[in-house]
C-alpha atoms as a PDB file:
ATOM      1  CA  MET A   1     -39.835 -50.001 -17.538  1.00  0.00           C
ATOM      2  CA  LYS A   2     -39.875 -47.136 -15.076  1.00  0.00           C
ATOM      3  CA  HIS A   3     -36.858 -44.825 -14.883  1.00  0.00           C
ATOM      4  CA  ILE A   4     -35.738 -43.659 -11.476  1.00  0.00           C
ATOM      5  CA  VAL A   5     -34.463 -40.094 -11.475  1.00  0.00           C
ATOM      6  CA  ALA A   6     -33.537 -37.622  -8.792  1.00  0.00           C
ATOM      7  CA  LEU A   7     -36.328 -35.238  -7.883  1.00  0.00           C
ATOM      8  CA  GLN A   8     -33.934 -32.571  -6.632  1.00  0.00           C
ATOM      9  CA  VAL A   9     -31.202 -30.646  -8.339  1.00  0.00           C
ATOM     10  CA  ALA A  10     -27.835 -32.269  -7.784  1.00  0.00           C
ATOM     11  CA  VAL A  11     -25.895 -30.628  -4.997  1.00  0.00           C
ATOM     12  CA  THR A  12     -22.540 -29.544  -6.311  1.00  0.00           C
ATOM     13  CA  ALA A  13     -20.054 -26.988  -5.234  1.00  0.00           C
ATOM     14  CA  THR A  14     -19.466 -23.903  -7.290  1.00  0.00           C
ATOM     15  CA  ALA A  15     -16.939 -24.287 -10.035  1.00  0.00           C
ATOM     16  CA  PHE A  16     -13.386 -23.945  -8.719  1.00  0.00           C
ATOM     17  CA  ASP A  17     -11.303 -21.741 -10.971  1.00  0.00           C
ATOM     18  CA  GLY A  18      -8.011 -22.644  -9.279  1.00  0.00           C
ATOM     19  CA  GLU A  19      -7.170 -19.080  -8.271  1.00  0.00           C
ATOM     20  CA  PRO A  20      -6.927 -17.919  -4.664  1.00  0.00           C
ATOM     21  CA  SER A  21      -9.508 -15.461  -3.456  1.00  0.00           C
ATOM     22  CA  ALA A  22      -8.679 -11.934  -2.364  1.00  0.00           C
ATOM     23  CA  ALA A  23      -8.992 -12.968   1.287  1.00  0.00           C
ATOM     24  CA  GLU A  24      -6.586 -15.864   0.767  1.00  0.00           C
ATOM     25  CA  LEU A  25      -4.061 -13.584  -0.951  1.00  0.00           C
ATOM     26  CA  GLU A  26      -4.339 -11.102   1.910  1.00  0.00           C
ATOM     27  CA  ALA A  27      -3.715 -13.876   4.449  1.00  0.00           C
ATOM     28  CA  ILE A  28      -0.640 -14.984   2.506  1.00  0.00           C
ATOM     29  CA  ASP A  29       0.651 -11.398   2.478  1.00  0.00           C
ATOM     30  CA  ARG A  30       0.180 -11.127   6.249  1.00  0.00           C
ATOM     31  CA  GLU A  31       2.042 -14.405   6.791  1.00  0.00           C
ATOM     32  CA  MET A  32       4.836 -13.718   4.273  1.00  0.00           C
ATOM     33  CA  PRO A  33       7.470 -12.715   6.885  1.00  0.00           C
ATOM     34  CA  VAL A  34       6.895 -16.032   8.679  1.00  0.00           C
ATOM     35  CA  ILE A  35       7.052 -17.948   5.404  1.00  0.00           C
ATOM     36  CA  GLN A  36      10.319 -16.272   4.410  1.00  0.00           C
ATOM     37  CA  ALA A  37      11.862 -16.891   7.828  1.00  0.00           C
ATOM     38  CA  GLU A  38      10.867 -20.565   7.673  1.00  0.00           C
ATOM     39  CA  VAL A  39      12.414 -20.887   4.204  1.00  0.00           C
ATOM     40  CA  GLU A  40      15.668 -19.380   5.504  1.00  0.00           C
ATOM     41  CA  LEU A  41      15.649 -21.831   8.407  1.00  0.00           C
ATOM     42  CA  LEU A  42      15.056 -24.724   6.036  1.00  0.00           C
ATOM     43  CA  ASP A  43      17.932 -23.559   3.823  1.00  0.00           C
ATOM     44  CA  ALA A  44      20.244 -23.409   6.836  1.00  0.00           C
ATOM     45  CA  GLN A  45      19.195 -26.881   7.968  1.00  0.00           C
ATOM     46  CA  ILE A  46      19.606 -28.370   4.495  1.00  0.00           C
ATOM     47  CA  ALA A  47      23.109 -26.898   4.232  1.00  0.00           C
ATOM     48  CA  VAL A  48      24.304 -28.946   7.212  1.00  0.00           C
ATOM     49  CA  LEU A  49      22.524 -32.225   6.468  1.00  0.00           C
ATOM     50  CA  ASP A  50      25.448 -34.042   4.892  1.00  0.00           C
ATOM     51  CA  ARG A  51      28.308 -32.723   7.000  1.00  0.00           C
ATOM     52  CA  ALA A  52      29.238 -31.854  10.520  1.00  0.00           C
ATOM     53  CA  PRO A  53      28.111 -28.308  11.176  1.00  0.00           C
ATOM     54  CA  SER A  54      30.847 -25.746  11.717  1.00  0.00           C
ATOM     55  CA  PRO A  55      30.451 -23.067  14.383  1.00  0.00           C
ATOM     56  CA  LEU A  56      29.335 -20.717  11.614  1.00  0.00           C
ATOM     57  CA  ASP A  57      26.665 -23.229  10.504  1.00  0.00           C
ATOM     58  CA  VAL A  58      25.415 -23.600  14.070  1.00  0.00           C
ATOM     59  CA  ARG A  59      25.148 -19.818  14.383  1.00  0.00           C
ATOM     60  CA  ARG A  60      23.315 -19.572  11.045  1.00  0.00           C
ATOM     61  CA  VAL A  61      20.728 -22.185  12.099  1.00  0.00           C
ATOM     62  CA  ARG A  62      20.301 -20.576  15.529  1.00  0.00           C
ATOM     63  CA  ARG A  63      19.761 -17.127  13.997  1.00  0.00           C
ATOM     64  CA  ALA A  64      17.291 -18.528  11.482  1.00  0.00           C
ATOM     65  CA  ARG A  65      15.317 -20.161  14.316  1.00  0.00           C
ATOM     66  CA  ARG A  66      15.221 -16.854  16.182  1.00  0.00           C
ATOM     67  CA  ARG A  67      13.967 -15.077  13.039  1.00  0.00           C
ATOM     68  CA  VAL A  68      11.158 -17.625  12.709  1.00  0.00           C
ATOM     69  CA  LEU A  69      10.155 -17.139  16.336  1.00  0.00           C
ATOM     70  CA  ALA A  70      10.297 -13.353  16.003  1.00  0.00           C
ATOM     71  CA  ALA A  71       8.180 -13.403  12.835  1.00  0.00           C
ATOM     72  CA  ARG A  72       5.618 -15.698  14.451  1.00  0.00           C
ATOM     73  CA  ARG A  73       5.502 -13.488  17.551  1.00  0.00           C
ATOM     74  CA  GLU A  74       4.976 -10.388  15.409  1.00  0.00           C
ATOM     75  CA  LEU A  75       2.181 -12.060  13.435  1.00  0.00           C
ATOM     76  CA  THR A  76       0.487 -13.205  16.632  1.00  0.00           C
ATOM     77  CA  ASN A  77       0.790  -9.772  18.227  1.00  0.00           C
ATOM     78  CA  ARG A  78      -0.712  -8.101  15.155  1.00  0.00           C
ATOM     79  CA  ALA A  79      -3.593 -10.573  15.173  1.00  0.00           C
ATOM     80  CA  GLY A  80      -4.195  -9.976  18.877  1.00  0.00           C
ATOM     81  CA  ALA A  81      -4.028  -6.194  18.524  1.00  0.00           C
ATOM     82  CA  GLY A  82      -7.148  -6.024  16.403  1.00  0.00           C
ATOM     83  CA  SER A  83      -5.863  -6.821  12.938  1.00  0.00           C
ATOM     84  CA  PRO A  84      -7.904  -9.285  10.882  1.00  0.00           C
ATOM     85  CA  GLU A  85      -7.901 -12.790  12.259  1.00  0.00           C
ATOM     86  CA  VAL A  86      -5.119 -15.145  11.221  1.00  0.00           C
ATOM     87  CA  ALA A  87      -6.316 -18.607  10.300  1.00  0.00           C
END
């Protein structure tokens, strides 16, 4: 009986060690203000899920939204001003 085998080396990706690369860590650091602002917004939204929002709650959510927009604007402006590209 004839055995059929591959004539080429199997194509596999390099072993993934599960750790982020230096470039990925740098991108996370650049985006950290946006991430923190989004977490604050999520916290404010979660706080008012099960009840009618008070005027203070409405103000907290509104301010958190503005912080997210400001952080995104700052990140975009830095990327457009010649900083390393943001993915």
